[in-house]
């Protein structure tokens, strides 16, 4: 497949089931406690190897320059770190909203690192890819590792978790939240006490960004209020998406039919294992068969 094969890979969404800000490093990065779980909602990326070393993005995102596009940055970073002379054409079918708190950009970057590690036959370990990915975003490593996790530090210190896998009703209000703006707000709580995993499992699932996001983005407050009529609404990351959990799919779909037109909405399943891991294992098997 090296030099000719087309590879198609998922870049799944995540939810932050809890987010606490417990401090701040001297360099300005916030110290977090959070819990990541994946969703069966994904972007899709397509990779075609090039022999000339050029990295070409076939589906650039409007308003995002190639210098800041995380897919291109991830490809260039791996190319530089590995010293490969190969390039790639990358196609992107974008489903995950920008500024929605679902980790779409970081997930795209993680999938690019994992897929090109395979396509270019580089052979970096998952740990090495995670270290590279951290330079692109604090939550890139969780997408590379591919398991639901308790996270600390800036989000890169991961401990695997096995969580319930409910159905979620996910709402996207008509706004795009700036993470930098939220983390720069002077009213943001930055000194929450640390909690233990058992505290989270027993129900401590707040999000320290919620009050700031709702004040700055009334559309998010509106979504929280509407969803609160049917369940316990929560904010993922810094938003803008809000979600509520349901044990079964049918109730979530019944509420989905009532969602006002001012919101985009999905019914999705929580996953403890990322679809990216399955794609990685499948590609490894196919790669081995193709090289025999």
C-alpha atoms as a PDB file:
ATOM      1  CA  UNK A   1       0.000   0.000   0.000  1.00  0.00           C
ATOM      2  CA  UNK A   2       2.970   2.300   0.493  1.00  0.00           C
ATOM      3  CA  UNK A   3       3.008   4.662  -2.462  1.00  0.00           C
ATOM      4  CA  UNK A   4      -0.447   3.800  -3.782  1.00  0.00           C
ATOM      5  CA  UNK A   5      -3.065   2.639  -1.281  1.00  0.00           C
ATOM      6  CA  UNK A   6      -5.955   4.820  -0.135  1.00  0.00           C
ATOM      7  CA  UNK A   7      -6.539   4.660   3.621  1.00  0.00           C
ATOM      8  CA  UNK A   8      -9.793   5.774   5.265  1.00  0.00           C
ATOM      9  CA  UNK A   9      -9.765   6.430   9.012  1.00  0.00           C
ATOM     10  CA  UNK A  10     -12.255   7.748  11.623  1.00  0.00           C
ATOM     11  CA  UNK A  11     -11.630  10.728  13.903  1.00  0.00           C
ATOM     12  CA  UNK A  12     -14.198  10.319  16.694  1.00  0.00           C
ATOM     13  CA  UNK A  13     -15.716  12.921  18.979  1.00  0.00           C
ATOM     14  CA  UNK A  14     -15.224  12.953  22.737  1.00  0.00           C
ATOM     15  CA  UNK A  15     -17.155  14.235  25.704  1.00  0.00           C
ATOM     16  CA  UNK A  16     -15.716  15.691  28.879  1.00  0.00           C
ATOM     17  CA  UNK A  17     -17.951  14.065  31.482  1.00  0.00           C
ATOM     18  CA  UNK A  18     -16.403  16.294  34.154  1.00  0.00           C
ATOM     19  CA  UNK A  19     -13.961  19.230  34.085  1.00  0.00           C
ATOM     20  CA  UNK A  20     -12.245  20.783  37.084  1.00  0.00           C
ATOM     21  CA  UNK A  21      -9.546  23.462  36.968  1.00  0.00           C
ATOM     22  CA  UNK A  22      -7.253  22.913  39.934  1.00  0.00           C
ATOM     23  CA  UNK A  23      -4.411  25.317  39.227  1.00  0.00           C
ATOM     24  CA  UNK A  24      -2.235  27.024  36.698  1.00  0.00           C
ATOM     25  CA  UNK A  25       1.350  26.405  35.599  1.00  0.00           C
ATOM     26  CA  UNK A  26       3.922  29.222  35.398  1.00  0.00           C
ATOM     27  CA  UNK A  27       3.649  29.079  31.587  1.00  0.00           C
ATOM     28  CA  UNK A  28      -0.071  29.883  31.794  1.00  0.00           C
ATOM     29  CA  UNK A  29      -1.443  26.433  31.002  1.00  0.00           C
ATOM     30  CA  UNK A  30      -4.279  25.359  33.267  1.00  0.00           C
ATOM     31  CA  UNK A  31      -4.052  22.188  35.361  1.00  0.00           C
ATOM     32  CA  UNK A  32      -7.131  20.028  34.978  1.00  0.00           C
ATOM     33  CA  UNK A  33      -8.965  17.020  36.196  1.00  0.00           C
ATOM     34  CA  UNK A  34     -11.295  15.660  33.552  1.00  0.00           C
ATOM     35  CA  UNK A  35     -12.844  12.464  32.214  1.00  0.00           C
ATOM     36  CA  UNK A  36     -12.911  11.633  28.510  1.00  0.00           C
ATOM     37  CA  UNK A  37     -15.329   9.288  26.789  1.00  0.00           C
ATOM     38  CA  UNK A  38     -15.628   8.729  23.043  1.00  0.00           C
ATOM     39  CA  UNK A  39     -18.734   8.896  20.860  1.00  0.00           C
ATOM     40  CA  UNK A  40     -19.846   6.999  17.779  1.00  0.00           C
ATOM     41  CA  UNK A  41     -19.820  10.287  15.879  1.00  0.00           C
ATOM     42  CA  UNK A  42     -16.749  10.958  13.752  1.00  0.00           C
ATOM     43  CA  UNK A  43     -15.030  12.955  11.096  1.00  0.00           C
ATOM     44  CA  UNK A  44     -13.567  10.785   8.324  1.00  0.00           C
ATOM     45  CA  UNK A  45     -10.095  11.264   6.852  1.00  0.00           C
ATOM     46  CA  UNK A  46      -8.674   9.812   3.638  1.00  0.00           C
ATOM     47  CA  UNK A  47      -4.943   9.422   3.046  1.00  0.00           C
ATOM     48  CA  UNK A  48      -3.147   8.770  -0.239  1.00  0.00           C
ATOM     49  CA  UNK A  49       0.636   8.497  -0.197  1.00  0.00           C
ATOM     50  CA  UNK A  50       2.760  10.777  -2.399  1.00  0.00           C
ATOM     51  CA  UNK A  51       6.362  10.079  -3.381  1.00  0.00           C
ATOM     52  CA  UNK A  52       7.356  13.744  -3.782  1.00  0.00           C
ATOM     53  CA  UNK A  53       7.183  14.728  -0.112  1.00  0.00           C
ATOM     54  CA  UNK A  54       4.334  17.206  -0.632  1.00  0.00           C
ATOM     55  CA  UNK A  55       1.587  17.406   1.981  1.00  0.00           C
ATOM     56  CA  UNK A  56      -1.649  18.409   0.291  1.00  0.00           C
ATOM     57  CA  UNK A  57      -4.974  19.047   2.060  1.00  0.00           C
ATOM     58  CA  UNK A  58      -7.769  18.393  -0.431  1.00  0.00           C
ATOM     59  CA  UNK A  59     -10.600  19.704   1.786  1.00  0.00           C
ATOM     60  CA  UNK A  60      -9.329  22.760   3.666  1.00  0.00           C
ATOM     61  CA  UNK A  61     -11.689  24.177   6.264  1.00  0.00           C
ATOM     62  CA  UNK A  62     -13.001  27.645   5.349  1.00  0.00           C
ATOM     63  CA  UNK A  63     -11.376  30.316   7.474  1.00  0.00           C
ATOM     64  CA  UNK A  64      -8.544  28.032   8.646  1.00  0.00           C
ATOM     65  CA  UNK A  65      -5.122  28.600   7.094  1.00  0.00           C
ATOM     66  CA  UNK A  66      -2.875  25.672   6.233  1.00  0.00           C
ATOM     67  CA  UNK A  67      -0.361  26.945   8.796  1.00  0.00           C
ATOM     68  CA  UNK A  68      -2.921  26.571  11.595  1.00  0.00           C
ATOM     69  CA  UNK A  69      -4.827  23.547  10.289  1.00  0.00           C
ATOM     70  CA  UNK A  70      -4.176  20.721  12.774  1.00  0.00           C
ATOM     71  CA  UNK A  71      -4.294  18.032  10.094  1.00  0.00           C
ATOM     72  CA  UNK A  72      -1.551  19.698   8.074  1.00  0.00           C
ATOM     73  CA  UNK A  73       0.454  20.524  11.194  1.00  0.00           C
ATOM     74  CA  UNK A  74       0.252  16.898  12.362  1.00  0.00           C
ATOM     75  CA  UNK A  75       1.431  15.588   8.985  1.00  0.00           C
ATOM     76  CA  UNK A  76       4.324  18.041   8.847  1.00  0.00           C
ATOM     77  CA  UNK A  77       5.292  17.283  12.446  1.00  0.00           C
ATOM     78  CA  UNK A  78       5.467  13.538  11.820  1.00  0.00           C
ATOM     79  CA  UNK A  79       7.280  14.055   8.533  1.00  0.00           C
ATOM     80  CA  UNK A  80       9.919  16.154  10.295  1.00  0.00           C
ATOM     81  CA  UNK A  81      10.247  13.863  13.321  1.00  0.00           C
ATOM     82  CA  UNK A  82      10.627  10.740  11.198  1.00  0.00           C
ATOM     83  CA  UNK A  83      12.737  12.149   8.387  1.00  0.00           C
ATOM     84  CA  UNK A  84      10.585  10.459   5.771  1.00  0.00           C
ATOM     85  CA  UNK A  85      10.785  11.690   2.192  1.00  0.00           C
ATOM     86  CA  UNK A  86       7.168  10.709   1.549  1.00  0.00           C
ATOM     87  CA  UNK A  87       4.195  13.049   1.360  1.00  0.00           C
ATOM     88  CA  UNK A  88       0.435  12.624   1.406  1.00  0.00           C
ATOM     89  CA  UNK A  89      -2.869  13.842   0.037  1.00  0.00           C
ATOM     90  CA  UNK A  90      -5.453  14.212   2.800  1.00  0.00           C
ATOM     91  CA  UNK A  91      -9.208  14.397   2.351  1.00  0.00           C
ATOM     92  CA  UNK A  92     -11.522  15.351   5.216  1.00  0.00           C
ATOM     93  CA  UNK A  93     -15.243  14.727   5.595  1.00  0.00           C
ATOM     94  CA  UNK A  94     -16.049  17.104   8.456  1.00  0.00           C
ATOM     95  CA  UNK A  95     -18.985  16.218  10.709  1.00  0.00           C
ATOM     96  CA  UNK A  96     -17.770  17.418  14.093  1.00  0.00           C
ATOM     97  CA  UNK A  97     -18.478  21.124  14.648  1.00  0.00           C
ATOM     98  CA  UNK A  98     -15.664  23.542  15.353  1.00  0.00           C
ATOM     99  CA  UNK A  99     -15.879  25.232  18.738  1.00  0.00           C
ATOM    100  CA  UNK A 100     -18.283  22.564  19.969  1.00  0.00           C
ATOM    101  CA  UNK A 101     -16.160  20.997  22.709  1.00  0.00           C
ATOM    102  CA  UNK A 102     -16.120  17.623  20.948  1.00  0.00           C
ATOM    103  CA  UNK A 103     -12.389  17.689  20.208  1.00  0.00           C
ATOM    104  CA  UNK A 104     -12.778  17.551  16.439  1.00  0.00           C
ATOM    105  CA  UNK A 105      -9.534  19.325  15.546  1.00  0.00           C
ATOM    106  CA  UNK A 106      -7.489  17.334  18.053  1.00  0.00           C
ATOM    107  CA  UNK A 107      -9.108  14.100  16.923  1.00  0.00           C
ATOM    108  CA  UNK A 108      -8.306  14.896  13.287  1.00  0.00           C
ATOM    109  CA  UNK A 109      -4.690  15.557  14.291  1.00  0.00           C
ATOM    110  CA  UNK A 110      -4.469  12.309  16.258  1.00  0.00           C
ATOM    111  CA  UNK A 111      -5.911  10.276  13.400  1.00  0.00           C
ATOM    112  CA  UNK A 112      -3.447  11.907  11.001  1.00  0.00           C
ATOM    113  CA  UNK A 113      -0.498  10.927  13.195  1.00  0.00           C
ATOM    114  CA  UNK A 114      -1.730   7.353  13.637  1.00  0.00           C
ATOM    115  CA  UNK A 115      -2.646   6.839   9.970  1.00  0.00           C
ATOM    116  CA  UNK A 116       0.546   8.332   8.556  1.00  0.00           C
ATOM    117  CA  UNK A 117       2.646   6.346  11.008  1.00  0.00           C
ATOM    118  CA  UNK A 118       1.160   3.329   9.247  1.00  0.00           C
ATOM    119  CA  UNK A 119       1.062   4.664   5.686  1.00  0.00           C
ATOM    120  CA  UNK A 120       4.640   5.940   5.759  1.00  0.00           C
ATOM    121  CA  UNK A 121       5.825   2.785   7.609  1.00  0.00           C
ATOM    122  CA  UNK A 122       7.488   4.843  10.325  1.00  0.00           C
ATOM    123  CA  UNK A 123       6.885   2.484  13.227  1.00  0.00           C
ATOM    124  CA  UNK A 124       6.696   4.990  16.084  1.00  0.00           C
ATOM    125  CA  UNK A 125       5.110   3.636  19.260  1.00  0.00           C
ATOM    126  CA  UNK A 126       1.791   4.989  20.477  1.00  0.00           C
ATOM    127  CA  UNK A 127       3.668   6.647  23.354  1.00  0.00           C
ATOM    128  CA  UNK A 128       5.966   8.488  20.954  1.00  0.00           C
ATOM    129  CA  UNK A 129       3.038   9.595  18.814  1.00  0.00           C
ATOM    130  CA  UNK A 130       1.341  10.879  21.974  1.00  0.00           C
ATOM    131  CA  UNK A 131       4.380  12.965  22.864  1.00  0.00           C
ATOM    132  CA  UNK A 132       4.364  14.451  19.380  1.00  0.00           C
ATOM    133  CA  UNK A 133       0.630  15.060  19.551  1.00  0.00           C
ATOM    134  CA  UNK A 134       0.886  16.976  22.809  1.00  0.00           C
ATOM    135  CA  UNK A 135       2.634  19.763  20.880  1.00  0.00           C
ATOM    136  CA  UNK A 136      -0.542  20.105  18.798  1.00  0.00           C
ATOM    137  CA  UNK A 137      -3.081  20.068  21.610  1.00  0.00           C
ATOM    138  CA  UNK A 138      -3.508  18.886  25.193  1.00  0.00           C
ATOM    139  CA  UNK A 139      -6.197  16.336  24.331  1.00  0.00           C
ATOM    140  CA  UNK A 140      -4.490  14.847  21.259  1.00  0.00           C
ATOM    141  CA  UNK A 141      -2.871  12.070  23.391  1.00  0.00           C
ATOM    142  CA  UNK A 142      -6.234  10.738  24.617  1.00  0.00           C
ATOM    143  CA  UNK A 143      -7.349  10.294  21.005  1.00  0.00           C
ATOM    144  CA  UNK A 144      -4.110   8.491  20.143  1.00  0.00           C
ATOM    145  CA  UNK A 145      -4.383   6.198  23.166  1.00  0.00           C
ATOM    146  CA  UNK A 146      -7.999   5.503  22.301  1.00  0.00           C
ATOM    147  CA  UNK A 147      -9.508   4.571  25.661  1.00  0.00           C
ATOM    148  CA  UNK A 148     -11.897   6.327  28.021  1.00  0.00           C
ATOM    149  CA  UNK A 149      -9.724   7.942  30.658  1.00  0.00           C
ATOM    150  CA  UNK A 150      -9.343  10.057  33.757  1.00  0.00           C
ATOM    151  CA  UNK A 151      -6.950  12.877  32.808  1.00  0.00           C
ATOM    152  CA  UNK A 152      -4.807  15.302  34.795  1.00  0.00           C
ATOM    153  CA  UNK A 153      -1.996  17.751  34.087  1.00  0.00           C
ATOM    154  CA  UNK A 154      -3.059  19.762  31.051  1.00  0.00           C
ATOM    155  CA  UNK A 155      -5.076  16.724  30.010  1.00  0.00           C
ATOM    156  CA  UNK A 156      -2.224  14.437  28.954  1.00  0.00           C
ATOM    157  CA  UNK A 157      -1.746  12.353  32.135  1.00  0.00           C
ATOM    158  CA  UNK A 158      -4.151   9.499  31.490  1.00  0.00           C
ATOM    159  CA  UNK A 159      -5.554   6.651  33.572  1.00  0.00           C
ATOM    160  CA  UNK A 160      -7.862   4.199  31.796  1.00  0.00           C
ATOM    161  CA  UNK A 161     -11.460   3.999  32.985  1.00  0.00           C
ATOM    162  CA  UNK A 162     -14.287   1.598  32.286  1.00  0.00           C
ATOM    163  CA  UNK A 163     -17.459   3.676  32.262  1.00  0.00           C
ATOM    164  CA  UNK A 164     -21.132   3.061  31.575  1.00  0.00           C
ATOM    165  CA  UNK A 165     -21.873   3.567  27.880  1.00  0.00           C
ATOM    166  CA  UNK A 166     -25.210   5.380  27.778  1.00  0.00           C
ATOM    167  CA  UNK A 167     -26.944   7.040  24.888  1.00  0.00           C
ATOM    168  CA  UNK A 168     -26.472  10.789  24.774  1.00  0.00           C
ATOM    169  CA  UNK A 169     -28.656  13.488  23.325  1.00  0.00           C
ATOM    170  CA  UNK A 170     -26.187  16.072  22.093  1.00  0.00           C
ATOM    171  CA  UNK A 171     -27.190  19.664  21.303  1.00  0.00           C
ATOM    172  CA  UNK A 172     -25.188  22.292  19.439  1.00  0.00           C
ATOM    173  CA  UNK A 173     -26.445  25.879  19.836  1.00  0.00           C
ATOM    174  CA  UNK A 174     -25.791  28.438  17.131  1.00  0.00           C
ATOM    175  CA  UNK A 175     -22.406  29.652  18.356  1.00  0.00           C
ATOM    176  CA  UNK A 176     -18.739  28.710  18.341  1.00  0.00           C
ATOM    177  CA  UNK A 177     -17.019  28.947  21.721  1.00  0.00           C
ATOM    178  CA  UNK A 178     -13.417  30.138  21.878  1.00  0.00           C
ATOM    179  CA  UNK A 179     -11.488  27.969  24.338  1.00  0.00           C
ATOM    180  CA  UNK A 180      -8.806  30.645  24.685  1.00  0.00           C
ATOM    181  CA  UNK A 181     -11.449  33.221  25.550  1.00  0.00           C
ATOM    182  CA  UNK A 182     -12.949  31.026  28.263  1.00  0.00           C
ATOM    183  CA  UNK A 183      -9.611  30.112  29.820  1.00  0.00           C
ATOM    184  CA  UNK A 184      -8.628  33.787  29.752  1.00  0.00           C
ATOM    185  CA  UNK A 185     -11.744  35.002  31.557  1.00  0.00           C
ATOM    186  CA  UNK A 186     -10.840  36.570  34.934  1.00  0.00           C
ATOM    187  CA  UNK A 187     -13.933  35.047  36.562  1.00  0.00           C
ATOM    188  CA  UNK A 188     -13.016  31.460  35.671  1.00  0.00           C
ATOM    189  CA  UNK A 189     -12.564  29.207  38.687  1.00  0.00           C
ATOM    190  CA  UNK A 190      -8.919  28.127  38.801  1.00  0.00           C
ATOM    191  CA  UNK A 191      -8.587  26.692  42.303  1.00  0.00           C
ATOM    192  CA  UNK A 192     -11.048  23.831  42.562  1.00  0.00           C
ATOM    193  CA  UNK A 193      -9.891  21.214  45.079  1.00  0.00           C
ATOM    194  CA  UNK A 194      -8.655  17.939  43.688  1.00  0.00           C
ATOM    195  CA  UNK A 195     -11.048  15.016  43.778  1.00  0.00           C
ATOM    196  CA  UNK A 196     -10.546  11.266  43.472  1.00  0.00           C
ATOM    197  CA  UNK A 197     -11.828   9.004  40.728  1.00  0.00           C
ATOM    198  CA  UNK A 198     -14.258   7.524  43.238  1.00  0.00           C
ATOM    199  CA  UNK A 199     -15.708  11.016  43.773  1.00  0.00           C
ATOM    200  CA  UNK A 200     -16.421  11.294  40.067  1.00  0.00           C
ATOM    201  CA  UNK A 201     -17.939   7.815  39.966  1.00  0.00           C
ATOM    202  CA  UNK A 202     -20.202   8.720  42.886  1.00  0.00           C
ATOM    203  CA  UNK A 203     -21.596  11.712  41.011  1.00  0.00           C
ATOM    204  CA  UNK A 204     -19.263  14.734  41.180  1.00  0.00           C
ATOM    205  CA  UNK A 205     -19.456  15.697  37.522  1.00  0.00           C
ATOM    206  CA  UNK A 206     -19.444  19.478  37.367  1.00  0.00           C
ATOM    207  CA  UNK A 207     -17.707  21.665  34.785  1.00  0.00           C
ATOM    208  CA  UNK A 208     -15.837  24.719  36.087  1.00  0.00           C
ATOM    209  CA  UNK A 209     -16.232  26.455  32.720  1.00  0.00           C
ATOM    210  CA  UNK A 210     -20.032  26.308  32.692  1.00  0.00           C
ATOM    211  CA  UNK A 211     -20.875  29.622  34.372  1.00  0.00           C
ATOM    212  CA  UNK A 212     -18.393  31.605  32.272  1.00  0.00           C
ATOM    213  CA  UNK A 213     -19.551  29.966  29.035  1.00  0.00           C
ATOM    214  CA  UNK A 214     -23.231  30.588  29.816  1.00  0.00           C
ATOM    215  CA  UNK A 215     -22.538  34.234  30.662  1.00  0.00           C
ATOM    216  CA  UNK A 216     -20.562  34.851  27.483  1.00  0.00           C
ATOM    217  CA  UNK A 217     -22.724  32.698  25.217  1.00  0.00           C
ATOM    218  CA  UNK A 218     -26.442  32.937  26.023  1.00  0.00           C
ATOM    219  CA  UNK A 219     -27.127  30.371  23.289  1.00  0.00           C
ATOM    220  CA  UNK A 220     -25.390  27.764  25.485  1.00  0.00           C
ATOM    221  CA  UNK A 221     -27.451  28.814  28.507  1.00  0.00           C
ATOM    222  CA  UNK A 222     -30.553  28.422  26.333  1.00  0.00           C
ATOM    223  CA  UNK A 223     -29.514  24.900  25.309  1.00  0.00           C
ATOM    224  CA  UNK A 224     -28.824  23.955  28.928  1.00  0.00           C
ATOM    225  CA  UNK A 225     -32.240  25.231  29.989  1.00  0.00           C
ATOM    226  CA  UNK A 226     -34.090  23.402  27.203  1.00  0.00           C
ATOM    227  CA  UNK A 227     -32.283  20.098  27.699  1.00  0.00           C
ATOM    228  CA  UNK A 228     -32.783  20.382  31.449  1.00  0.00           C
ATOM    229  CA  UNK A 229     -36.494  19.728  30.919  1.00  0.00           C
ATOM    230  CA  UNK A 230     -35.690  16.134  29.996  1.00  0.00           C
ATOM    231  CA  UNK A 231     -32.546  15.173  31.902  1.00  0.00           C
ATOM    232  CA  UNK A 232     -29.396  16.406  33.608  1.00  0.00           C
ATOM    233  CA  UNK A 233     -27.707  18.740  31.099  1.00  0.00           C
ATOM    234  CA  UNK A 234     -23.935  19.026  31.044  1.00  0.00           C
ATOM    235  CA  UNK A 235     -21.360  21.008  29.090  1.00  0.00           C
ATOM    236  CA  UNK A 236     -18.518  19.231  27.304  1.00  0.00           C
ATOM    237  CA  UNK A 237     -15.140  20.965  27.581  1.00  0.00           C
ATOM    238  CA  UNK A 238     -15.602  24.686  27.096  1.00  0.00           C
ATOM    239  CA  UNK A 239     -18.638  24.011  24.871  1.00  0.00           C
ATOM    240  CA  UNK A 240     -20.609  24.887  22.875  1.00  0.00           C
ATOM    241  CA  UNK A 241     -22.200  21.399  22.900  1.00  0.00           C
ATOM    242  CA  UNK A 242     -24.321  20.273  25.815  1.00  0.00           C
ATOM    243  CA  UNK A 243     -25.505  16.727  26.470  1.00  0.00           C
ATOM    244  CA  UNK A 244     -27.692  14.539  28.639  1.00  0.00           C
ATOM    245  CA  UNK A 245     -27.364  10.802  29.230  1.00  0.00           C
ATOM    246  CA  UNK A 246     -30.074   8.163  28.797  1.00  0.00           C
ATOM    247  CA  UNK A 247     -29.871   4.460  29.608  1.00  0.00           C
ATOM    248  CA  UNK A 248     -31.724   3.493  26.433  1.00  0.00           C
ATOM    249  CA  UNK A 249     -31.785   4.842  22.913  1.00  0.00           C
ATOM    250  CA  UNK A 250     -35.552   5.179  22.512  1.00  0.00           C
ATOM    251  CA  UNK A 251     -36.116   7.991  25.060  1.00  0.00           C
ATOM    252  CA  UNK A 252     -33.255   9.999  23.575  1.00  0.00           C
ATOM    253  CA  UNK A 253     -34.721   9.642  20.085  1.00  0.00           C
ATOM    254  CA  UNK A 254     -38.162  10.660  21.301  1.00  0.00           C
ATOM    255  CA  UNK A 255     -36.705  13.882  22.712  1.00  0.00           C
ATOM    256  CA  UNK A 256     -34.648  14.366  19.537  1.00  0.00           C
ATOM    257  CA  UNK A 257     -37.915  14.731  17.626  1.00  0.00           C
ATOM    258  CA  UNK A 258     -38.822  17.693  19.857  1.00  0.00           C
ATOM    259  CA  UNK A 259     -35.544  19.603  19.518  1.00  0.00           C
ATOM    260  CA  UNK A 260     -36.158  23.197  18.340  1.00  0.00           C
ATOM    261  CA  UNK A 261     -34.725  24.220  14.986  1.00  0.00           C
ATOM    262  CA  UNK A 262     -32.310  26.634  16.658  1.00  0.00           C
ATOM    263  CA  UNK A 263     -30.208  23.639  17.777  1.00  0.00           C
ATOM    264  CA  UNK A 264     -28.383  20.967  15.835  1.00  0.00           C
ATOM    265  CA  UNK A 265     -28.850  17.633  17.570  1.00  0.00           C
ATOM    266  CA  UNK A 266     -27.614  14.050  17.512  1.00  0.00           C
ATOM    267  CA  UNK A 267     -28.334  10.863  19.414  1.00  0.00           C
ATOM    268  CA  UNK A 268     -24.990   9.140  19.963  1.00  0.00           C
ATOM    269  CA  UNK A 269     -23.576   6.252  21.978  1.00  0.00           C
ATOM    270  CA  UNK A 270     -20.834   6.611  24.534  1.00  0.00           C
ATOM    271  CA  UNK A 271     -17.802   4.411  23.837  1.00  0.00           C
ATOM    272  CA  UNK A 272     -14.971   3.310  26.094  1.00  0.00           C
ATOM    273  CA  UNK A 273     -12.905   2.228  23.102  1.00  0.00           C
ATOM    274  CA  UNK A 274     -12.265   4.611  20.246  1.00  0.00           C
ATOM    275  CA  UNK A 275     -13.136   3.571  16.686  1.00  0.00           C
ATOM    276  CA  UNK A 276      -9.617   4.743  15.851  1.00  0.00           C
ATOM    277  CA  UNK A 277      -8.172   1.788  17.784  1.00  0.00           C
ATOM    278  CA  UNK A 278     -10.281  -0.629  15.779  1.00  0.00           C
ATOM    279  CA  UNK A 279      -9.153   1.014  12.543  1.00  0.00           C
ATOM    280  CA  UNK A 280      -5.541   0.817  13.698  1.00  0.00           C
ATOM    281  CA  UNK A 281      -5.813  -2.907  14.431  1.00  0.00           C
ATOM    282  CA  UNK A 282      -7.601  -3.597  11.161  1.00  0.00           C
ATOM    283  CA  UNK A 283      -4.981  -1.647   9.197  1.00  0.00           C
ATOM    284  CA  UNK A 284      -2.156  -3.517  10.921  1.00  0.00           C
ATOM    285  CA  UNK A 285      -3.695  -6.862   9.941  1.00  0.00           C
ATOM    286  CA  UNK A 286      -4.373  -5.744   6.361  1.00  0.00           C
ATOM    287  CA  UNK A 287      -0.869  -4.293   6.100  1.00  0.00           C
ATOM    288  CA  UNK A 288       0.695  -7.566   7.208  1.00  0.00           C
ATOM    289  CA  UNK A 289      -1.354  -9.570   4.704  1.00  0.00           C
ATOM    290  CA  UNK A 290      -0.524  -7.137   1.869  1.00  0.00           C
ATOM    291  CA  UNK A 291       3.218  -7.408   2.556  1.00  0.00           C
ATOM    292  CA  UNK A 292       3.352 -11.208   2.492  1.00  0.00           C
END
